[in-house]
C-alpha atoms as a PDB file:
ATOM      1  CA  MET A   1      26.470  -6.473  -9.994  1.00  0.00           C
ATOM      2  CA  THR A   2      28.104  -7.614  -6.743  1.00  0.00           C
ATOM      3  CA  MET A   3      25.056  -6.725  -4.647  1.00  0.00           C
ATOM      4  CA  TYR A   4      22.776  -8.485  -7.133  1.00  0.00           C
ATOM      5  CA  LEU A   5      24.779 -11.723  -7.174  1.00  0.00           C
ATOM      6  CA  LEU A   6      25.706 -11.874  -3.480  1.00  0.00           C
ATOM      7  CA  GLY A   7      22.310 -10.657  -2.270  1.00  0.00           C
ATOM      8  CA  SER A   8      20.491 -13.162  -4.479  1.00  0.00           C
ATOM      9  CA  LEU A   9      22.786 -15.980  -3.392  1.00  0.00           C
ATOM     10  CA  LEU A  10      22.251 -15.155   0.274  1.00  0.00           C
ATOM     11  CA  LEU A  11      18.457 -15.051   0.007  1.00  0.00           C
ATOM     12  CA  TYR A  12      18.392 -18.167  -2.151  1.00  0.00           C
ATOM     13  CA  HIS A  13      20.208 -20.181   0.528  1.00  0.00           C
ATOM     14  CA  THR A  14      18.253 -18.717   3.456  1.00  0.00           C
ATOM     15  CA  LEU A  15      14.677 -17.580   2.776  1.00  0.00           C
ATOM     16  CA  PHE A  16      13.917 -19.109  -0.605  1.00  0.00           C
ATOM     17  CA  ASP A  17      11.660 -22.172  -0.410  1.00  0.00           C
ATOM     18  CA  LYS A  18      13.469 -24.888  -2.375  1.00  0.00           C
ATOM     19  CA  ARG A  19      10.179 -26.710  -2.925  1.00  0.00           C
ATOM     20  CA  LEU A  20       9.447 -24.093  -5.567  1.00  0.00           C
ATOM     21  CA  LEU A  21      12.080 -25.707  -7.765  1.00  0.00           C
ATOM     22  CA  GLN A  22       9.468 -28.435  -8.326  1.00  0.00           C
ATOM     23  CA  HIS A  23       6.659 -25.989  -9.107  1.00  0.00           C
ATOM     24  CA  PRO A  24       5.022 -26.803 -12.488  1.00  0.00           C
ATOM     25  CA  ARG A  25       5.700 -23.255 -13.716  1.00  0.00           C
ATOM     26  CA  PHE A  26       9.368 -23.282 -12.723  1.00  0.00           C
ATOM     27  CA  LEU A  27      11.342 -23.406 -15.981  1.00  0.00           C
ATOM     28  CA  PRO A  28      14.140 -25.869 -16.774  1.00  0.00           C
ATOM     29  CA  ASN A  29      17.528 -24.325 -15.906  1.00  0.00           C
ATOM     30  CA  GLN A  30      15.658 -21.232 -14.736  1.00  0.00           C
ATOM     31  CA  ILE A  31      18.262 -19.987 -12.244  1.00  0.00           C
ATOM     32  CA  LYS A  32      21.005 -20.124 -14.877  1.00  0.00           C
ATOM     33  CA  LEU A  33      18.761 -18.266 -17.309  1.00  0.00           C
ATOM     34  CA  GLU A  34      17.906 -15.637 -14.689  1.00  0.00           C
ATOM     35  CA  ILE A  35      21.582 -15.023 -13.894  1.00  0.00           C
ATOM     36  CA  ASN A  36      22.528 -14.801 -17.569  1.00  0.00           C
ATOM     37  CA  GLN A  37      19.788 -12.266 -18.210  1.00  0.00           C
ATOM     38  CA  GLY A  38      20.659 -10.293 -15.069  1.00  0.00           C
ATOM     39  CA  ILE A  39      24.383  -9.975 -15.750  1.00  0.00           C
ATOM     40  CA  SER A  40      23.611  -9.020 -19.357  1.00  0.00           C
ATOM     41  CA  ALA A  41      21.132  -6.304 -18.346  1.00  0.00           C
ATOM     42  CA  ILE A  42      23.108  -4.586 -15.580  1.00  0.00           C
ATOM     43  CA  PRO A  43      26.017  -3.217 -17.704  1.00  0.00           C
ATOM     44  CA  ALA A  44      23.576  -1.791 -20.265  1.00  0.00           C
ATOM     45  CA  MET A  45      21.528  -0.214 -17.488  1.00  0.00           C
ATOM     46  CA  ALA A  46      24.680   1.286 -15.978  1.00  0.00           C
ATOM     47  CA  LEU A  47      25.654   2.775 -19.337  1.00  0.00           C
ATOM     48  CA  LEU A  48      22.208   4.323 -19.770  1.00  0.00           C
ATOM     49  CA  THR A  49      22.495   5.833 -16.284  1.00  0.00           C
ATOM     50  CA  VAL A  50      25.800   7.619 -17.014  1.00  0.00           C
ATOM     51  CA  PRO A  51      24.088  10.913 -18.045  1.00  0.00           C
ATOM     52  CA  PHE A  52      22.486  11.177 -14.602  1.00  0.00           C
ATOM     53  CA  PHE A  53      25.806  10.575 -12.848  1.00  0.00           C
ATOM     54  CA  LEU A  54      27.496  13.163 -15.066  1.00  0.00           C
ATOM     55  CA  ALA A  55      24.794  15.657 -14.154  1.00  0.00           C
ATOM     56  CA  GLU A  56      25.445  14.968 -10.472  1.00  0.00           C
ATOM     57  CA  ILE A  57      29.221  15.279 -10.840  1.00  0.00           C
ATOM     58  CA  ARG A  58      28.863  18.586 -12.679  1.00  0.00           C
ATOM     59  CA  GLY A  59      26.693  20.017  -9.939  1.00  0.00           C
ATOM     60  CA  TRP A  60      23.373  20.000 -11.761  1.00  0.00           C
ATOM     61  CA  SER A  61      21.662  18.009  -9.010  1.00  0.00           C
ATOM     62  CA  LYS A  62      20.608  19.001  -5.500  1.00  0.00           C
ATOM     63  CA  LEU A  63      22.933  16.544  -3.780  1.00  0.00           C
ATOM     64  CA  TYR A  64      24.815  18.042  -0.836  1.00  0.00           C
ATOM     65  CA  ASP A  65      27.793  16.869   1.206  1.00  0.00           C
ATOM     66  CA  PHE A  66      27.059  17.296   4.907  1.00  0.00           C
ATOM     67  CA  THR A  67      24.041  17.217   7.187  1.00  0.00           C
ATOM     68  CA  SER A  68      24.803  20.816   8.112  1.00  0.00           C
ATOM     69  CA  ASP A  69      24.076  21.738   4.476  1.00  0.00           C
ATOM     70  CA  SER A  70      20.495  20.444   4.632  1.00  0.00           C
ATOM     71  CA  PRO A  71      17.737  22.907   3.635  1.00  0.00           C
ATOM     72  CA  PHE A  72      16.209  23.071   7.116  1.00  0.00           C
ATOM     73  CA  PHE A  73      16.324  21.398  10.508  1.00  0.00           C
ATOM     74  CA  GLY A  74      14.831  17.915  10.402  1.00  0.00           C
ATOM     75  CA  TYR A  75      15.271  17.422   6.670  1.00  0.00           C
ATOM     76  CA  THR A  76      17.979  14.838   7.339  1.00  0.00           C
ATOM     77  CA  LEU A  77      15.238  12.468   8.509  1.00  0.00           C
ATOM     78  CA  LEU A  78      12.523  13.737   6.184  1.00  0.00           C
ATOM     79  CA  GLN A  79      14.546  12.970   3.048  1.00  0.00           C
ATOM     80  CA  TYR A  80      14.083   9.215   3.531  1.00  0.00           C
ATOM     81  CA  PRO A  81      10.266   9.038   3.510  1.00  0.00           C
ATOM     82  CA  LEU A  82      10.214  11.662   0.737  1.00  0.00           C
ATOM     83  CA  PHE A  83      12.523   9.506  -1.382  1.00  0.00           C
ATOM     84  CA  ILE A  84      10.419   6.391  -0.763  1.00  0.00           C
ATOM     85  CA  CYS A  85       7.122   8.149  -1.560  1.00  0.00           C
ATOM     86  CA  PHE A  86       8.484   9.788  -4.725  1.00  0.00           C
ATOM     87  CA  THR A  87      10.107   6.660  -6.130  1.00  0.00           C
ATOM     88  CA  ASP A  88       7.227   4.385  -5.133  1.00  0.00           C
ATOM     89  CA  SER A  89       4.799   6.602  -7.032  1.00  0.00           C
ATOM     90  CA  GLY A  90       7.055   6.898 -10.075  1.00  0.00           C
ATOM     91  CA  ILE A  91       7.749   3.181 -10.307  1.00  0.00           C
ATOM     92  CA  TYR A  92       4.070   2.309  -9.968  1.00  0.00           C
ATOM     93  CA  TRP A  93       3.095   4.350 -13.021  1.00  0.00           C
ATOM     94  CA  ILE A  94       6.138   3.367 -15.077  1.00  0.00           C
ATOM     95  CA  HIS A  95       5.607  -0.298 -14.227  1.00  0.00           C
ATOM     96  CA  ARG A  96       1.946  -0.077 -15.092  1.00  0.00           C
ATOM     97  CA  ALA A  97       2.781   1.634 -18.404  1.00  0.00           C
ATOM     98  CA  LEU A  98       5.150  -1.237 -19.195  1.00  0.00           C
ATOM     99  CA  HIS A  99       2.110  -3.516 -19.131  1.00  0.00           C
ATOM    100  CA  HIS A 100       0.448  -1.601 -21.955  1.00  0.00           C
ATOM    101  CA  PRO A 101      -0.019  -4.016 -24.900  1.00  0.00           C
ATOM    102  CA  ARG A 102       2.102  -1.848 -27.218  1.00  0.00           C
ATOM    103  CA  ILE A 103       5.061  -1.936 -24.827  1.00  0.00           C
ATOM    104  CA  TYR A 104       4.724  -5.119 -22.818  1.00  0.00           C
ATOM    105  CA  ARG A 105       5.705  -7.592 -25.535  1.00  0.00           C
ATOM    106  CA  TRP A 106       8.945  -5.776 -26.362  1.00  0.00           C
ATOM    107  CA  LEU A 107      10.208  -4.643 -22.964  1.00  0.00           C
ATOM    108  CA  HIS A 108       8.508  -6.160 -19.934  1.00  0.00           C
ATOM    109  CA  LYS A 109       7.563  -9.649 -21.108  1.00  0.00           C
ATOM    110  CA  PRO A 110      11.123 -11.014 -20.666  1.00  0.00           C
ATOM    111  CA  HIS A 111      10.842 -10.353 -16.922  1.00  0.00           C
ATOM    112  CA  HIS A 112       7.470 -12.100 -16.701  1.00  0.00           C
ATOM    113  CA  LYS A 113       9.048 -15.214 -18.102  1.00  0.00           C
ATOM    114  CA  TRP A 114       9.754 -15.957 -14.444  1.00  0.00           C
ATOM    115  CA  ALA A 115       6.248 -16.817 -13.196  1.00  0.00           C
ATOM    116  CA  VAL A 116       7.845 -18.431 -10.139  1.00  0.00           C
ATOM    117  CA  PRO A 117      10.755 -16.060  -9.486  1.00  0.00           C
ATOM    118  CA  THR A 118      13.866 -16.718  -7.477  1.00  0.00           C
ATOM    119  CA  PRO A 119      16.008 -13.892  -6.038  1.00  0.00           C
ATOM    120  CA  PHE A 120      18.119 -14.117  -9.202  1.00  0.00           C
ATOM    121  CA  ALA A 121      15.101 -12.871 -11.198  1.00  0.00           C
ATOM    122  CA  SER A 122      15.350  -9.467  -9.498  1.00  0.00           C
ATOM    123  CA  TYR A 123      17.478  -7.971 -12.279  1.00  0.00           C
ATOM    124  CA  ALA A 124      16.622 -10.471 -14.993  1.00  0.00           C
ATOM    125  CA  PHE A 125      14.827  -8.215 -17.435  1.00  0.00           C
ATOM    126  CA  HIS A 126      15.291  -6.207 -20.623  1.00  0.00           C
ATOM    127  CA  PRO A 127      17.830  -3.408 -19.973  1.00  0.00           C
ATOM    128  CA  LEU A 128      15.391  -0.677 -21.053  1.00  0.00           C
ATOM    129  CA  ASP A 129      12.770  -2.156 -18.741  1.00  0.00           C
ATOM    130  CA  GLY A 130      15.079  -2.054 -15.735  1.00  0.00           C
ATOM    131  CA  TRP A 131      16.440   1.372 -16.633  1.00  0.00           C
ATOM    132  CA  SER A 132      12.986   2.896 -17.041  1.00  0.00           C
ATOM    133  CA  GLN A 133      11.960   1.660 -13.598  1.00  0.00           C
ATOM    134  CA  SER A 134      15.136   3.118 -12.113  1.00  0.00           C
ATOM    135  CA  LEU A 135      14.405   6.614 -13.466  1.00  0.00           C
ATOM    136  CA  PRO A 136      12.600   7.869 -10.315  1.00  0.00           C
ATOM    137  CA  TYR A 137      15.726   7.122  -8.239  1.00  0.00           C
ATOM    138  CA  HIS A 138      17.895   9.280 -10.473  1.00  0.00           C
ATOM    139  CA  VAL A 139      15.344  12.011 -11.055  1.00  0.00           C
ATOM    140  CA  TYR A 140      14.799  12.519  -7.326  1.00  0.00           C
ATOM    141  CA  PRO A 141      18.170  14.228  -6.559  1.00  0.00           C
ATOM    142  CA  LEU A 142      17.657  16.478  -9.587  1.00  0.00           C
ATOM    143  CA  VAL A 143      14.434  17.770  -8.040  1.00  0.00           C
ATOM    144  CA  PHE A 144      14.849  17.406  -4.268  1.00  0.00           C
ATOM    145  CA  PRO A 145      17.829  17.910  -1.952  1.00  0.00           C
ATOM    146  CA  LEU A 146      19.507  14.673  -0.900  1.00  0.00           C
ATOM    147  CA  GLN A 147      22.593  14.150   1.232  1.00  0.00           C
ATOM    148  CA  LYS A 148      25.266  12.157  -0.611  1.00  0.00           C
ATOM    149  CA  GLY A 149      25.730   9.562   2.121  1.00  0.00           C
ATOM    150  CA  ALA A 150      21.976   8.997   2.206  1.00  0.00           C
ATOM    151  CA  TYR A 151      21.998   8.667  -1.583  1.00  0.00           C
ATOM    152  CA  LEU A 152      24.550   5.830  -1.415  1.00  0.00           C
ATOM    153  CA  GLY A 153      22.702   4.158   1.446  1.00  0.00           C
ATOM    154  CA  LEU A 154      19.396   4.353  -0.427  1.00  0.00           C
ATOM    155  CA  PHE A 155      21.042   2.895  -3.523  1.00  0.00           C
ATOM    156  CA  ILE A 156      22.092  -0.153  -1.495  1.00  0.00           C
ATOM    157  CA  PHE A 157      18.636  -0.378   0.088  1.00  0.00           C
ATOM    158  CA  VAL A 158      16.860  -0.171  -3.282  1.00  0.00           C
ATOM    159  CA  THR A 159      19.085  -2.861  -4.799  1.00  0.00           C
ATOM    160  CA  MET A 160      18.570  -5.264  -1.910  1.00  0.00           C
ATOM    161  CA  TRP A 161      14.835  -4.540  -1.739  1.00  0.00           C
ATOM    162  CA  THR A 162      14.536  -5.442  -5.419  1.00  0.00           C
ATOM    163  CA  VAL A 163      16.255  -8.744  -4.701  1.00  0.00           C
ATOM    164  CA  PHE A 164      14.140  -9.356  -1.603  1.00  0.00           C
ATOM    165  CA  ILE A 165      10.732  -8.956  -3.272  1.00  0.00           C
ATOM    166  CA  HIS A 166      11.705 -11.633  -5.798  1.00  0.00           C
ATOM    167  CA  ASP A 167      12.425 -14.360  -3.262  1.00  0.00           C
ATOM    168  CA  ALA A 168       8.786 -15.586  -3.459  1.00  0.00           C
ATOM    169  CA  GLU A 169       8.703 -16.084   0.309  1.00  0.00           C
ATOM    170  CA  TYR A 170       5.298 -15.727   1.922  1.00  0.00           C
ATOM    171  CA  MET A 171       6.370 -14.166   5.181  1.00  0.00           C
ATOM    172  CA  PRO A 172       3.745 -12.124   7.063  1.00  0.00           C
ATOM    173  CA  THR A 173       3.666  -8.529   5.805  1.00  0.00           C
ATOM    174  CA  SER A 174       1.557  -5.529   6.686  1.00  0.00           C
ATOM    175  CA  ALA A 175      -1.221  -4.236   4.455  1.00  0.00           C
ATOM    176  CA  ILE A 176       0.959  -1.254   3.549  1.00  0.00           C
ATOM    177  CA  ILE A 177       4.304  -2.807   2.610  1.00  0.00           C
ATOM    178  CA  ASN A 178       4.670  -4.353  -0.829  1.00  0.00           C
ATOM    179  CA  GLY A 179       6.682  -7.393   0.179  1.00  0.00           C
ATOM    180  CA  ALA A 180       7.678 -10.547  -1.653  1.00  0.00           C
ATOM    181  CA  SER A 181       4.209 -12.082  -1.352  1.00  0.00           C
ATOM    182  CA  CYS A 182       2.590  -9.078  -3.065  1.00  0.00           C
ATOM    183  CA  HIS A 183       5.136  -9.015  -5.865  1.00  0.00           C
ATOM    184  CA  THR A 184       4.795 -12.757  -6.359  1.00  0.00           C
ATOM    185  CA  MET A 185       1.090 -12.171  -6.997  1.00  0.00           C
ATOM    186  CA  HIS A 186       2.166  -9.762  -9.731  1.00  0.00           C
ATOM    187  CA  HIS A 187       4.316 -12.426 -11.389  1.00  0.00           C
ATOM    188  CA  LEU A 188       1.507 -14.954 -11.215  1.00  0.00           C
ATOM    189  CA  HIS A 189      -1.425 -12.764 -12.237  1.00  0.00           C
ATOM    190  CA  PHE A 190       0.314  -9.949 -14.176  1.00  0.00           C
ATOM    191  CA  ASN A 191      -2.171  -7.096 -13.679  1.00  0.00           C
ATOM    192  CA  TYR A 192      -1.935  -6.594  -9.927  1.00  0.00           C
ATOM    193  CA  ASN A 193       0.509  -5.164  -7.388  1.00  0.00           C
ATOM    194  CA  TYR A 194       2.638  -2.880  -9.551  1.00  0.00           C
ATOM    195  CA  GLY A 195       4.083  -1.040  -6.541  1.00  0.00           C
ATOM    196  CA  GLN A 196       7.663  -1.262  -5.343  1.00  0.00           C
ATOM    197  CA  PHE A 197       7.747  -0.378  -1.649  1.00  0.00           C
ATOM    198  CA  THR A 198       4.110   0.107  -0.638  1.00  0.00           C
ATOM    199  CA  THR A 199       0.645  -0.966  -1.747  1.00  0.00           C
ATOM    200  CA  ALA A 200      -0.649   2.630  -1.618  1.00  0.00           C
ATOM    201  CA  TRP A 201      -0.956   3.297  -5.341  1.00  0.00           C
ATOM    202  CA  ASP A 202      -2.313  -0.182  -6.029  1.00  0.00           C
ATOM    203  CA  ARG A 203      -5.044   0.391  -3.463  1.00  0.00           C
ATOM    204  CA  LEU A 204      -5.843   3.869  -4.767  1.00  0.00           C
ATOM    205  CA  SER A 205      -5.935   2.663  -8.375  1.00  0.00           C
ATOM    206  CA  GLY A 206      -7.785  -0.598  -7.806  1.00  0.00           C
ATOM    207  CA  THR A 207      -4.896  -2.868  -8.818  1.00  0.00           C
ATOM    208  CA  TYR A 208      -4.168  -4.352  -5.404  1.00  0.00           C
ATOM    209  CA  ARG A 209      -4.557  -8.081  -4.910  1.00  0.00           C
ATOM    210  CA  LYS A 210      -4.053  -9.539  -1.473  1.00  0.00           C
ATOM    211  CA  PRO A 211      -1.933 -12.701  -1.284  1.00  0.00           C
ATOM    212  CA  LYS A 212      -4.270 -15.617  -0.676  1.00  0.00           C
ATOM    213  CA  GLY A 213      -2.171 -17.875   1.476  1.00  0.00           C
ATOM    214  CA  ASP A 214       0.930 -18.292   3.562  1.00  0.00           C
ATOM    215  CA  SER A 215       2.598 -20.546   1.041  1.00  0.00           C
ATOM    216  CA  PHE A 216       3.514 -19.951  -2.570  1.00  0.00           C
ATOM    217  CA  MET A 217       2.822 -23.623  -3.213  1.00  0.00           C
ATOM    218  CA  GLU A 218      -0.888 -22.965  -2.730  1.00  0.00           C
ATOM    219  CA  HIS A 219      -0.831 -21.095  -6.023  1.00  0.00           C
ATOM    220  CA  GLN A 220      -0.248 -24.250  -8.003  1.00  0.00           C
ATOM    221  CA  ARG A 221      -4.016 -24.252  -8.158  1.00  0.00           C
ATOM    222  CA  MET A 222      -5.183 -21.093  -9.867  1.00  0.00           C
ATOM    223  CA  ASP A 223      -8.584 -19.812  -8.865  1.00  0.00           C
ATOM    224  CA  GLY A 224     -10.160 -20.664 -12.217  1.00  0.00           C
ATOM    225  CA  LYS A 225     -11.213 -17.117 -12.979  1.00  0.00           C
ATOM    226  CA  GLU A 226      -7.743 -16.120 -14.141  1.00  0.00           C
ATOM    227  CA  LYS A 227      -5.413 -18.400 -16.001  1.00  0.00           C
ATOM    228  CA  PRO A 228      -1.697 -17.832 -16.278  1.00  0.00           C
ATOM    229  CA  GLY A 229      -0.752 -15.884 -19.366  1.00  0.00           C
ATOM    230  CA  ASP A 230       0.699 -12.717 -20.732  1.00  0.00           C
ATOM    231  CA  LYS A 231      -2.264 -10.519 -19.848  1.00  0.00           C
ATOM    232  CA  CYS A 232      -1.863  -6.776 -19.979  1.00  0.00           C
ATOM    233  CA  ASP A 233      -3.770  -3.659 -18.955  1.00  0.00           C
END
């Protein structure tokens, strides 16, 4: 909760383009609504995550204490890209499933209320929506070894990354990283850019859409072929 509120506040007062507050699809009192939804969702998500933490405490996971306990030499560094690849893949498919017509209306649509997101939209979703997309993070240490310090560090990274990709800022990004510009395209067009950290699965599955411009404001004019709406897979 602290990382969500402080991280969102920091990005809002630094990177976030305040001109977006005048965007025609920016809702009245949107920031207040985003915060209310976020602080309502996080406790429920935390409660749903308790079984995973209990499993870790009782030694049912593959978490280990010290670098010297790692499975083999070099795994200390390898665990980071493995974690990113595993969770990026899992979130892509879970996120895409949440866009299925039978699920979208009930779980994921509340998050797409924010067509022009601010950093406060990062955790503004239905609790089951947010929890389902967090599953890969908690499943990973049940399947793969992970050092406990790295686990805490990755938790902080994941939380801040989620806030960052909702700041709607069109900063230059590589073709591989799923940055704020890519995720903003998802909020605007719904059926593109489901990935979390990379664009790999979007490219492989044909759901990648390259951001068209350097400014979010350019998207006030939709391309005519796709109109804003609650479109699903």
